Amino acid sequence: MDDFKLLGLVNESDLFQICMGKHSATGKLYALKAWGKQNNATAKTTRLVMQEHKLATKLVDDSKFIPSMICALETDAYLVHVFDTEVAMDLHTCMADYGPFDEATALFYAASLFLCIEHLHAHDIAYRHISPEAIVLRPDGYCMLMDLRFAAEIEGNAKLTDVCGACPYLAPEQVSGAGHDAAVDYWALGVLIYEMLTEKTPWATGVAAQDSEEMIYSKIASHYVGSIHYPEVFSLELVGILDHLLEPNFKRRISSSKDFIENAWLQVVDWKQLKECAVSAPHAPECCSRFD
């Protein structure tokens, strides 16, 4: 760690911190993900760290949306994963500072995040942790996923049965324990789109007693298409994709790249330009100036 000068904290969870660091010899910037050893002393958290390390080393192909881990370092207090990328802020911070987003802004982030999900699904990996806190933004404003602790490989038609991720983003099949696959990521994307536009999830009321985890699980389990009262400002195309993403029956839910890309709400997206990161991001100036 003596080779890096720390520039600032950009993301934090109960288990780790993501900081930007400048390599002393080259001046190159890297994202440093530091797991506190004291916070990760249990068998469960150790397993999560090892699971993420395994997946991060597997995803070594050149992706703009899932950064490559180039090495791991260790100090007395931390295990540090070094990623060959730059991070400006997390989406939660962006939403808090500039939200609620208009439809065009939410569409950009949804499309950018889809490219992250698509890359993982192509490697037979379900992400299972979509939430504003888990999504980070590069200096150019595009989404990346660096928190892979709940991601899991799916073999063939096998189902995953463990429950993990942020409560308001869990799909009905996760809540019920019936078994799930990568389709849960599309459900969570629908929840995120709604939250980016309204600053709350579809299940939140603002009343603490009604927003407990138990109540949220109940609302998710009893949800049906048409039960969400969308704001009148939502376009018909937006309502359409939300209904298809928040479809409780995963067999009828949007759950493939083709179905997502061909949805009417996304017809304005130039996917070739987006994949090349040639589309200007809504908050690129704010992201770019983060560590100037």
C-alpha atoms as a PDB file:
ATOM      1  CA  MET A   1       0.000   0.000   0.000  1.00  0.00           C
ATOM      2  CA  ASP A   2       3.021   2.289   0.321  1.00  0.00           C
ATOM      3  CA  ASP A   3       3.008   2.473  -3.480  1.00  0.00           C
ATOM      4  CA  PHE A   4      -0.314   4.353  -3.495  1.00  0.00           C
ATOM      5  CA  LYS A   5      -1.359   7.827  -2.397  1.00  0.00           C
ATOM      6  CA  LEU A   6      -5.003   7.745  -1.294  1.00  0.00           C
ATOM      7  CA  LEU A   7      -7.120  10.487  -2.876  1.00  0.00           C
ATOM      8  CA  GLY A   8     -10.544   9.996  -1.348  1.00  0.00           C
ATOM      9  CA  LEU A   9     -13.380   7.674  -0.380  1.00  0.00           C
ATOM     10  CA  VAL A  10     -15.978   7.036  -3.102  1.00  0.00           C
ATOM     11  CA  ASN A  11     -18.070   4.127  -1.796  1.00  0.00           C
ATOM     12  CA  GLU A  12     -18.552   2.402   1.530  1.00  0.00           C
ATOM     13  CA  SER A  13     -20.475  -0.587   2.859  1.00  0.00           C
ATOM     14  CA  ASP A  14     -20.559  -2.461   6.143  1.00  0.00           C
ATOM     15  CA  LEU A  15     -17.715  -4.681   4.918  1.00  0.00           C
ATOM     16  CA  PHE A  16     -15.468  -2.593   2.666  1.00  0.00           C
ATOM     17  CA  GLN A  17     -14.461   0.827   1.379  1.00  0.00           C
ATOM     18  CA  ILE A  18     -13.597   1.874  -2.165  1.00  0.00           C
ATOM     19  CA  CYS A  19     -10.990   4.620  -2.447  1.00  0.00           C
ATOM     20  CA  MET A  20      -9.156   6.163  -5.339  1.00  0.00           C
ATOM     21  CA  GLY A  21      -5.397   5.800  -5.205  1.00  0.00           C
ATOM     22  CA  LYS A  22      -2.584   7.252  -7.295  1.00  0.00           C
ATOM     23  CA  HIS A  23       0.363   4.962  -7.989  1.00  0.00           C
ATOM     24  CA  SER A  24       3.426   6.812  -6.717  1.00  0.00           C
ATOM     25  CA  ALA A  25       5.797   5.692  -9.476  1.00  0.00           C
ATOM     26  CA  THR A  26       3.537   6.073 -12.516  1.00  0.00           C
ATOM     27  CA  GLY A  27       0.878   8.577 -11.442  1.00  0.00           C
ATOM     28  CA  LYS A  28      -1.817   6.230 -12.747  1.00  0.00           C
ATOM     29  CA  LEU A  29      -5.127   6.138 -10.859  1.00  0.00           C
ATOM     30  CA  TYR A  30      -6.610   2.901  -9.547  1.00  0.00           C
ATOM     31  CA  ALA A  31      -9.688   1.982  -7.534  1.00  0.00           C
ATOM     32  CA  LEU A  32      -8.719   0.316  -4.253  1.00  0.00           C
ATOM     33  CA  LYS A  33     -11.301  -1.846  -2.529  1.00  0.00           C
ATOM     34  CA  ALA A  34     -10.297  -2.387   1.078  1.00  0.00           C
ATOM     35  CA  TRP A  35     -11.906  -5.106   3.180  1.00  0.00           C
ATOM     36  CA  GLY A  36     -11.408  -4.492   6.893  1.00  0.00           C
ATOM     37  CA  LYS A  37     -10.088  -7.689   8.467  1.00  0.00           C
ATOM     38  CA  GLN A  38     -11.859  -6.978  11.741  1.00  0.00           C
ATOM     39  CA  ASN A  39     -15.206  -6.595   9.956  1.00  0.00           C
ATOM     40  CA  ASN A  40     -14.687  -9.773   7.941  1.00  0.00           C
ATOM     41  CA  ALA A  41     -13.624 -12.159  10.677  1.00  0.00           C
ATOM     42  CA  THR A  42     -16.719 -14.374  10.541  1.00  0.00           C
ATOM     43  CA  ALA A  43     -16.965 -17.466   8.368  1.00  0.00           C
ATOM     44  CA  LYS A  44     -19.851 -15.948   6.368  1.00  0.00           C
ATOM     45  CA  THR A  45     -18.086 -12.724   5.466  1.00  0.00           C
ATOM     46  CA  THR A  46     -14.857 -14.559   4.710  1.00  0.00           C
ATOM     47  CA  ARG A  47     -16.830 -16.720   2.289  1.00  0.00           C
ATOM     48  CA  LEU A  48     -18.230 -13.578   0.599  1.00  0.00           C
ATOM     49  CA  VAL A  49     -14.753 -12.116   0.192  1.00  0.00           C
ATOM     50  CA  MET A  50     -13.434 -15.347  -1.313  1.00  0.00           C
ATOM     51  CA  GLN A  51     -16.473 -15.642  -3.589  1.00  0.00           C
ATOM     52  CA  GLU A  52     -15.927 -12.130  -4.914  1.00  0.00           C
ATOM     53  CA  HIS A  53     -12.210 -12.765  -5.383  1.00  0.00           C
ATOM     54  CA  LYS A  54     -13.007 -15.908  -7.376  1.00  0.00           C
ATOM     55  CA  LEU A  55     -15.485 -14.131  -9.655  1.00  0.00           C
ATOM     56  CA  ALA A  56     -13.286 -11.042 -10.067  1.00  0.00           C
ATOM     57  CA  THR A  57     -10.381 -13.185 -11.237  1.00  0.00           C
ATOM     58  CA  LYS A  58     -12.702 -15.011 -13.632  1.00  0.00           C
ATOM     59  CA  LEU A  59     -13.918 -11.771 -15.234  1.00  0.00           C
ATOM     60  CA  VAL A  60     -10.551 -10.775 -16.608  1.00  0.00           C
ATOM     61  CA  ASP A  61     -11.727 -10.010 -20.140  1.00  0.00           C
ATOM     62  CA  ASP A  62     -11.737  -6.399 -21.250  1.00  0.00           C
ATOM     63  CA  SER A  63     -15.037  -4.909 -20.092  1.00  0.00           C
ATOM     64  CA  LYS A  64     -15.762  -1.243 -19.563  1.00  0.00           C
ATOM     65  CA  PHE A  65     -18.558  -2.106 -17.149  1.00  0.00           C
ATOM     66  CA  ILE A  66     -17.075  -4.815 -14.886  1.00  0.00           C
ATOM     67  CA  PRO A  67     -13.532  -3.617 -14.081  1.00  0.00           C
ATOM     68  CA  SER A  68     -10.643  -6.055 -13.911  1.00  0.00           C
ATOM     69  CA  MET A  69      -8.953  -6.794 -10.604  1.00  0.00           C
ATOM     70  CA  ILE A  70      -5.240  -6.698 -11.299  1.00  0.00           C
ATOM     71  CA  CYS A  71      -3.854  -7.730  -7.922  1.00  0.00           C
ATOM     72  CA  ALA A  72      -4.542  -8.139  -4.216  1.00  0.00           C
ATOM     73  CA  LEU A  73      -2.529  -6.492  -1.446  1.00  0.00           C
ATOM     74  CA  GLU A  74      -2.542  -7.001   2.300  1.00  0.00           C
ATOM     75  CA  THR A  75      -1.845  -4.848   5.335  1.00  0.00           C
ATOM     76  CA  ASP A  76      -2.253  -5.587   9.029  1.00  0.00           C
ATOM     77  CA  ALA A  77      -5.796  -4.175   8.937  1.00  0.00           C
ATOM     78  CA  TYR A  78      -7.004  -4.642   5.349  1.00  0.00           C
ATOM     79  CA  LEU A  79      -7.191  -6.967   2.368  1.00  0.00           C
ATOM     80  CA  VAL A  80      -7.075  -4.687  -0.675  1.00  0.00           C
ATOM     81  CA  HIS A  81      -8.246  -5.534  -4.189  1.00  0.00           C
ATOM     82  CA  VAL A  82      -6.757  -3.227  -6.829  1.00  0.00           C
ATOM     83  CA  PHE A  83      -8.899  -2.514  -9.885  1.00  0.00           C
ATOM     84  CA  ASP A  84      -7.675  -1.054 -13.149  1.00  0.00           C
ATOM     85  CA  THR A  85     -10.346   1.646 -13.293  1.00  0.00           C
ATOM     86  CA  GLU A  86     -11.353   5.003 -11.857  1.00  0.00           C
ATOM     87  CA  VAL A  87     -14.436   5.612  -9.725  1.00  0.00           C
ATOM     88  CA  ALA A  88     -16.030   9.012  -9.141  1.00  0.00           C
ATOM     89  CA  MET A  89     -18.991   8.267  -6.855  1.00  0.00           C
ATOM     90  CA  ASP A  90     -21.737   5.739  -6.273  1.00  0.00           C
ATOM     91  CA  LEU A  91     -25.208   6.063  -7.764  1.00  0.00           C
ATOM     92  CA  HIS A  92     -26.712   6.603  -4.322  1.00  0.00           C
ATOM     93  CA  THR A  93     -24.651   9.786  -3.917  1.00  0.00           C
ATOM     94  CA  CYS A  94     -25.586  10.918  -7.427  1.00  0.00           C
ATOM     95  CA  MET A  95     -29.294  10.353  -6.719  1.00  0.00           C
ATOM     96  CA  ALA A  96     -29.066  12.189  -3.388  1.00  0.00           C
ATOM     97  CA  ASP A  97     -27.294  15.176  -4.951  1.00  0.00           C
ATOM     98  CA  TYR A  98     -29.190  15.468  -8.249  1.00  0.00           C
ATOM     99  CA  GLY A  99     -32.393  13.422  -7.913  1.00  0.00           C
ATOM    100  CA  PRO A 100     -35.107  12.780  -8.599  1.00  0.00           C
ATOM    101  CA  PHE A 101     -34.005  12.124 -12.171  1.00  0.00           C
ATOM    102  CA  ASP A 102     -36.036  12.944 -15.226  1.00  0.00           C
ATOM    103  CA  GLU A 103     -36.992  10.112 -17.544  1.00  0.00           C
ATOM    104  CA  ALA A 104     -34.121  10.642 -19.980  1.00  0.00           C
ATOM    105  CA  THR A 105     -31.560  10.526 -17.157  1.00  0.00           C
ATOM    106  CA  ALA A 106     -33.077   7.397 -15.616  1.00  0.00           C
ATOM    107  CA  LEU A 107     -33.119   5.792 -19.066  1.00  0.00           C
ATOM    108  CA  PHE A 108     -29.393   6.436 -19.514  1.00  0.00           C
ATOM    109  CA  TYR A 109     -28.497   4.863 -16.178  1.00  0.00           C
ATOM    110  CA  ALA A 110     -30.841   1.921 -16.772  1.00  0.00           C
ATOM    111  CA  ALA A 111     -29.267   1.261 -20.182  1.00  0.00           C
ATOM    112  CA  SER A 112     -25.744   1.674 -18.804  1.00  0.00           C
ATOM    113  CA  LEU A 113     -26.488  -0.688 -15.915  1.00  0.00           C
ATOM    114  CA  PHE A 114     -28.023  -3.184 -18.330  1.00  0.00           C
ATOM    115  CA  LEU A 115     -24.648  -3.425 -20.091  1.00  0.00           C
ATOM    116  CA  CYS A 116     -23.093  -4.419 -16.746  1.00  0.00           C
ATOM    117  CA  ILE A 117     -25.768  -7.049 -16.156  1.00  0.00           C
ATOM    118  CA  GLU A 118     -25.535  -8.338 -19.715  1.00  0.00           C
ATOM    119  CA  HIS A 119     -21.785  -8.887 -19.312  1.00  0.00           C
ATOM    120  CA  LEU A 120     -22.277 -10.910 -16.119  1.00  0.00           C
ATOM    121  CA  HIS A 121     -25.146 -12.937 -17.555  1.00  0.00           C
ATOM    122  CA  ALA A 122     -22.985 -13.790 -20.579  1.00  0.00           C
ATOM    123  CA  HIS A 123     -20.638 -15.466 -18.090  1.00  0.00           C
ATOM    124  CA  ASP A 124     -23.560 -17.303 -16.417  1.00  0.00           C
ATOM    125  CA  ILE A 125     -23.391 -15.057 -13.358  1.00  0.00           C
ATOM    126  CA  ALA A 126     -26.419 -13.600 -11.587  1.00  0.00           C
ATOM    127  CA  TYR A 127     -25.545 -10.315  -9.878  1.00  0.00           C
ATOM    128  CA  ARG A 128     -28.257 -10.277  -7.158  1.00  0.00           C
ATOM    129  CA  HIS A 129     -27.272  -6.980  -5.554  1.00  0.00           C
ATOM    130  CA  ILE A 130     -28.647  -4.150  -7.682  1.00  0.00           C
ATOM    131  CA  SER A 131     -29.154  -1.076  -5.497  1.00  0.00           C
ATOM    132  CA  PRO A 132     -27.976   2.552  -5.709  1.00  0.00           C
ATOM    133  CA  GLU A 133     -25.287   1.902  -3.084  1.00  0.00           C
ATOM    134  CA  ALA A 134     -23.787  -1.031  -5.047  1.00  0.00           C
ATOM    135  CA  ILE A 135     -23.513   0.804  -8.383  1.00  0.00           C
ATOM    136  CA  VAL A 136     -20.505   3.052  -8.959  1.00  0.00           C
ATOM    137  CA  LEU A 137     -19.951   5.689 -11.630  1.00  0.00           C
ATOM    138  CA  ARG A 138     -16.771   6.227 -13.596  1.00  0.00           C
ATOM    139  CA  PRO A 139     -15.448   9.751 -14.235  1.00  0.00           C
ATOM    140  CA  ASP A 140     -17.290   9.700 -17.582  1.00  0.00           C
ATOM    141  CA  GLY A 141     -20.584   9.008 -15.754  1.00  0.00           C
ATOM    142  CA  TYR A 142     -21.092   5.394 -16.867  1.00  0.00           C
ATOM    143  CA  CYS A 143     -22.167   2.657 -14.462  1.00  0.00           C
ATOM    144  CA  MET A 144     -19.883  -0.109 -13.205  1.00  0.00           C
ATOM    145  CA  LEU A 145     -20.374  -3.013 -10.819  1.00  0.00           C
ATOM    146  CA  MET A 146     -17.540  -3.705  -8.378  1.00  0.00           C
ATOM    147  CA  ASP A 147     -19.450  -5.272  -5.484  1.00  0.00           C
ATOM    148  CA  LEU A 148     -19.650  -8.944  -6.460  1.00  0.00           C
ATOM    149  CA  ARG A 149     -20.039 -10.438  -2.980  1.00  0.00           C
ATOM    150  CA  PHE A 150     -23.586 -11.698  -3.686  1.00  0.00           C
ATOM    151  CA  ALA A 151     -23.010 -12.634  -7.330  1.00  0.00           C
ATOM    152  CA  ALA A 152     -23.255 -16.343  -8.100  1.00  0.00           C
ATOM    153  CA  GLU A 153     -22.518 -18.634 -10.984  1.00  0.00           C
ATOM    154  CA  ILE A 154     -25.493 -20.540 -12.389  1.00  0.00           C
ATOM    155  CA  GLU A 155     -24.920 -23.982 -13.848  1.00  0.00           C
ATOM    156  CA  GLY A 156     -27.356 -24.893 -16.609  1.00  0.00           C
ATOM    157  CA  ASN A 157     -30.960 -24.750 -15.443  1.00  0.00           C
ATOM    158  CA  ALA A 158     -30.053 -24.956 -11.767  1.00  0.00           C
ATOM    159  CA  LYS A 159     -31.747 -22.568  -9.341  1.00  0.00           C
ATOM    160  CA  LEU A 160     -30.172 -20.552  -6.540  1.00  0.00           C
ATOM    161  CA  THR A 161     -31.937 -20.788  -3.190  1.00  0.00           C
ATOM    162  CA  ASP A 162     -30.060 -18.476  -0.814  1.00  0.00           C
ATOM    163  CA  VAL A 163     -31.525 -15.074   0.029  1.00  0.00           C
ATOM    164  CA  CYS A 164     -29.187 -12.108  -0.374  1.00  0.00           C
ATOM    165  CA  GLY A 165     -29.166  -8.525  -1.561  1.00  0.00           C
ATOM    166  CA  ALA A 166     -31.054  -5.412  -0.481  1.00  0.00           C
ATOM    167  CA  CYS A 167     -34.565  -6.135   0.789  1.00  0.00           C
ATOM    168  CA  PRO A 168     -36.571  -3.697  -1.431  1.00  0.00           C
ATOM    169  CA  TYR A 169     -34.903  -5.125  -4.563  1.00  0.00           C
ATOM    170  CA  LEU A 170     -35.624  -8.803  -3.964  1.00  0.00           C
ATOM    171  CA  ALA A 171     -37.838 -10.529  -6.530  1.00  0.00           C
ATOM    172  CA  PRO A 172     -40.897 -12.564  -5.465  1.00  0.00           C
ATOM    173  CA  GLU A 173     -39.128 -15.854  -6.144  1.00  0.00           C
ATOM    174  CA  GLN A 174     -36.341 -14.796  -3.754  1.00  0.00           C
ATOM    175  CA  VAL A 175     -38.812 -13.790  -1.054  1.00  0.00           C
ATOM    176  CA  SER A 176     -40.704 -17.073  -1.378  1.00  0.00           C
ATOM    177  CA  GLY A 177     -37.542 -19.185  -1.455  1.00  0.00           C
ATOM    178  CA  ALA A 178     -38.830 -21.024  -4.526  1.00  0.00           C
ATOM    179  CA  GLY A 179     -35.462 -20.798  -6.263  1.00  0.00           C
ATOM    180  CA  HIS A 180     -34.227 -18.111  -8.634  1.00  0.00           C
ATOM    181  CA  ASP A 181     -31.884 -17.380 -11.510  1.00  0.00           C
ATOM    182  CA  ALA A 182     -30.530 -14.312 -13.305  1.00  0.00           C
ATOM    183  CA  ALA A 183     -34.072 -13.034 -13.983  1.00  0.00           C
ATOM    184  CA  VAL A 184     -33.975 -11.449 -10.520  1.00  0.00           C
ATOM    185  CA  ASP A 185     -31.553  -8.832 -11.874  1.00  0.00           C
ATOM    186  CA  TYR A 186     -34.176  -7.554 -14.307  1.00  0.00           C
ATOM    187  CA  TRP A 187     -36.741  -7.294 -11.497  1.00  0.00           C
ATOM    188  CA  ALA A 188     -34.268  -5.281  -9.404  1.00  0.00           C
ATOM    189  CA  LEU A 189     -33.539  -3.045 -12.399  1.00  0.00           C
ATOM    190  CA  GLY A 190     -37.252  -2.244 -12.560  1.00  0.00           C
ATOM    191  CA  VAL A 191     -37.253  -1.277  -8.865  1.00  0.00           C
ATOM    192  CA  LEU A 192     -34.195   0.924  -9.443  1.00  0.00           C
ATOM    193  CA  ILE A 193     -35.758   2.723 -12.417  1.00  0.00           C
ATOM    194  CA  TYR A 194     -38.799   3.540 -10.303  1.00  0.00           C
ATOM    195  CA  GLU A 195     -36.599   4.791  -7.458  1.00  0.00           C
ATOM    196  CA  MET A 196     -34.453   6.983  -9.697  1.00  0.00           C
ATOM    197  CA  LEU A 197     -37.600   8.782 -10.839  1.00  0.00           C
ATOM    198  CA  THR A 198     -39.445   9.038  -7.526  1.00  0.00           C
ATOM    199  CA  GLU A 199     -36.717   8.829  -4.848  1.00  0.00           C
ATOM    200  CA  LYS A 200     -38.410   5.810  -3.287  1.00  0.00           C
ATOM    201  CA  THR A 201     -38.993   2.173  -4.164  1.00  0.00           C
ATOM    202  CA  PRO A 202     -42.483   1.014  -5.194  1.00  0.00           C
ATOM    203  CA  TRP A 203     -42.976  -0.492  -1.733  1.00  0.00           C
ATOM    204  CA  ALA A 204     -42.005   2.530   0.388  1.00  0.00           C
ATOM    205  CA  THR A 205     -44.649   4.655   2.100  1.00  0.00           C
ATOM    206  CA  GLY A 206     -42.543   6.939   4.294  1.00  0.00           C
ATOM    207  CA  VAL A 207     -44.213   5.481   7.385  1.00  0.00           C
ATOM    208  CA  ALA A 208     -41.700   3.501   9.437  1.00  0.00           C
ATOM    209  CA  ALA A 209     -44.192   0.892  10.641  1.00  0.00           C
ATOM    210  CA  GLN A 210     -45.247   0.164   7.056  1.00  0.00           C
ATOM    211  CA  ASP A 211     -41.713   0.164   5.671  1.00  0.00           C
ATOM    212  CA  SER A 212     -40.221  -2.578   7.844  1.00  0.00           C
ATOM    213  CA  GLU A 213     -38.508  -5.481   6.081  1.00  0.00           C
ATOM    214  CA  GLU A 214     -41.411  -7.732   6.998  1.00  0.00           C
ATOM    215  CA  MET A 215     -43.926  -5.355   5.411  1.00  0.00           C
ATOM    216  CA  ILE A 216     -41.780  -4.911   2.304  1.00  0.00           C
ATOM    217  CA  TYR A 217     -41.469  -8.677   1.885  1.00  0.00           C
ATOM    218  CA  SER A 218     -45.265  -8.926   2.170  1.00  0.00           C
ATOM    219  CA  LYS A 219     -45.780  -6.254  -0.498  1.00  0.00           C
ATOM    220  CA  ILE A 220     -43.334  -7.923  -2.872  1.00  0.00           C
ATOM    221  CA  ALA A 221     -44.922 -11.338  -2.332  1.00  0.00           C
ATOM    222  CA  SER A 222     -48.441 -10.005  -3.012  1.00  0.00           C
ATOM    223  CA  HIS A 223     -47.489  -7.740  -5.926  1.00  0.00           C
ATOM    224  CA  TYR A 224     -49.288  -8.174  -9.241  1.00  0.00           C
ATOM    225  CA  VAL A 225     -49.075  -6.242 -12.511  1.00  0.00           C
ATOM    226  CA  GLY A 226     -51.306  -3.208 -12.146  1.00  0.00           C
ATOM    227  CA  SER A 227     -50.995  -2.915  -8.359  1.00  0.00           C
ATOM    228  CA  ILE A 228     -48.473  -0.046  -8.542  1.00  0.00           C
ATOM    229  CA  HIS A 229     -50.012   3.400  -9.010  1.00  0.00           C
ATOM    230  CA  TYR A 230     -47.530   5.169 -11.265  1.00  0.00           C
ATOM    231  CA  PRO A 231     -47.162   8.973 -11.256  1.00  0.00           C
ATOM    232  CA  GLU A 232     -49.105  10.628 -14.078  1.00  0.00           C
ATOM    233  CA  VAL A 233     -45.885  12.086 -15.532  1.00  0.00           C
ATOM    234  CA  PHE A 234     -44.629   8.582 -16.401  1.00  0.00           C
ATOM    235  CA  SER A 235     -44.790   7.969 -20.148  1.00  0.00           C
ATOM    236  CA  LEU A 236     -46.750   5.020 -21.485  1.00  0.00           C
ATOM    237  CA  GLU A 237     -43.493   3.440 -22.650  1.00  0.00           C
ATOM    238  CA  LEU A 238     -42.000   3.790 -19.170  1.00  0.00           C
ATOM    239  CA  VAL A 239     -45.051   2.233 -17.524  1.00  0.00           C
ATOM    240  CA  GLY A 240     -44.861  -0.566 -20.073  1.00  0.00           C
ATOM    241  CA  ILE A 241     -41.262  -1.524 -19.314  1.00  0.00           C
ATOM    242  CA  LEU A 242     -41.815  -1.269 -15.553  1.00  0.00           C
ATOM    243  CA  ASP A 243     -44.769  -3.641 -15.785  1.00  0.00           C
ATOM    244  CA  HIS A 244     -42.635  -6.073 -17.800  1.00  0.00           C
ATOM    245  CA  LEU A 245     -39.674  -5.842 -15.407  1.00  0.00           C
ATOM    246  CA  LEU A 246     -41.830  -5.997 -12.272  1.00  0.00           C
ATOM    247  CA  GLU A 247     -43.688  -9.054 -13.500  1.00  0.00           C
ATOM    248  CA  PRO A 248     -43.992 -11.414 -10.510  1.00  0.00           C
ATOM    249  CA  ASN A 249     -43.993 -14.480 -12.761  1.00  0.00           C
ATOM    250  CA  PHE A 250     -40.349 -14.719 -13.823  1.00  0.00           C
ATOM    251  CA  LYS A 251     -41.353 -16.777 -16.858  1.00  0.00           C
ATOM    252  CA  ARG A 252     -43.236 -13.752 -18.229  1.00  0.00           C
ATOM    253  CA  ARG A 253     -40.746 -11.134 -17.018  1.00  0.00           C
ATOM    254  CA  ILE A 254     -38.230  -9.455 -19.284  1.00  0.00           C
ATOM    255  CA  SER A 255     -35.228 -11.665 -18.661  1.00  0.00           C
ATOM    256  CA  SER A 256     -33.092 -11.571 -21.792  1.00  0.00           C
ATOM    257  CA  SER A 257     -30.941  -9.016 -23.561  1.00  0.00           C
ATOM    258  CA  LYS A 258     -33.081  -9.232 -26.683  1.00  0.00           C
ATOM    259  CA  ASP A 259     -36.344  -8.524 -24.853  1.00  0.00           C
ATOM    260  CA  PHE A 260     -34.830  -5.628 -22.940  1.00  0.00           C
ATOM    261  CA  ILE A 261     -33.172  -3.938 -25.923  1.00  0.00           C
ATOM    262  CA  GLU A 262     -36.284  -4.280 -28.083  1.00  0.00           C
ATOM    263  CA  ASN A 263     -38.603  -2.715 -25.484  1.00  0.00           C
ATOM    264  CA  ALA A 264     -40.341   0.465 -26.695  1.00  0.00           C
ATOM    265  CA  TRP A 265     -38.919   2.630 -23.876  1.00  0.00           C
ATOM    266  CA  LEU A 266     -35.379   1.930 -25.055  1.00  0.00           C
ATOM    267  CA  GLN A 267     -35.806   2.567 -28.763  1.00  0.00           C
ATOM    268  CA  VAL A 268     -34.075   5.953 -28.443  1.00  0.00           C
ATOM    269  CA  VAL A 269     -30.850   4.246 -27.295  1.00  0.00           C
ATOM    270  CA  ASP A 270     -27.983   3.959 -29.759  1.00  0.00           C
ATOM    271  CA  TRP A 271     -26.596   0.730 -28.333  1.00  0.00           C
ATOM    272  CA  LYS A 272     -23.453   0.752 -30.457  1.00  0.00           C
ATOM    273  CA  GLN A 273     -22.545   4.233 -29.250  1.00  0.00           C
ATOM    274  CA  LEU A 274     -23.470   3.363 -25.656  1.00  0.00           C
ATOM    275  CA  LYS A 275     -21.285   0.246 -25.602  1.00  0.00           C
ATOM    276  CA  GLU A 276     -18.389   2.369 -26.857  1.00  0.00           C
ATOM    277  CA  CYS A 277     -19.153   4.941 -24.132  1.00  0.00           C
ATOM    278  CA  ALA A 278     -19.598   7.563 -26.845  1.00  0.00           C
ATOM    279  CA  VAL A 279     -22.903   8.884 -25.453  1.00  0.00           C
ATOM    280  CA  SER A 280     -22.565  11.809 -23.051  1.00  0.00           C
ATOM    281  CA  ALA A 281     -23.624  10.787 -19.553  1.00  0.00           C
ATOM    282  CA  PRO A 282     -26.033  13.058 -17.628  1.00  0.00           C
ATOM    283  CA  HIS A 283     -23.659  13.815 -14.750  1.00  0.00           C
ATOM    284  CA  ALA A 284     -20.306  13.386 -16.462  1.00  0.00           C
ATOM    285  CA  PRO A 285     -19.042  16.893 -15.528  1.00  0.00           C
ATOM    286  CA  GLU A 286     -19.784  16.302 -11.844  1.00  0.00           C
ATOM    287  CA  CYS A 287     -18.153  12.861 -11.947  1.00  0.00           C
ATOM    288  CA  CYS A 288     -15.133  14.063 -13.892  1.00  0.00           C
ATOM    289  CA  SER A 289     -14.382  16.870 -11.424  1.00  0.00           C
ATOM    290  CA  ARG A 290     -14.596  14.629  -8.371  1.00  0.00           C
ATOM    291  CA  PHE A 291     -10.826  14.306  -7.872  1.00  0.00           C
ATOM    292  CA  ASP A 292      -9.529  17.231  -9.892  1.00  0.00           C
END
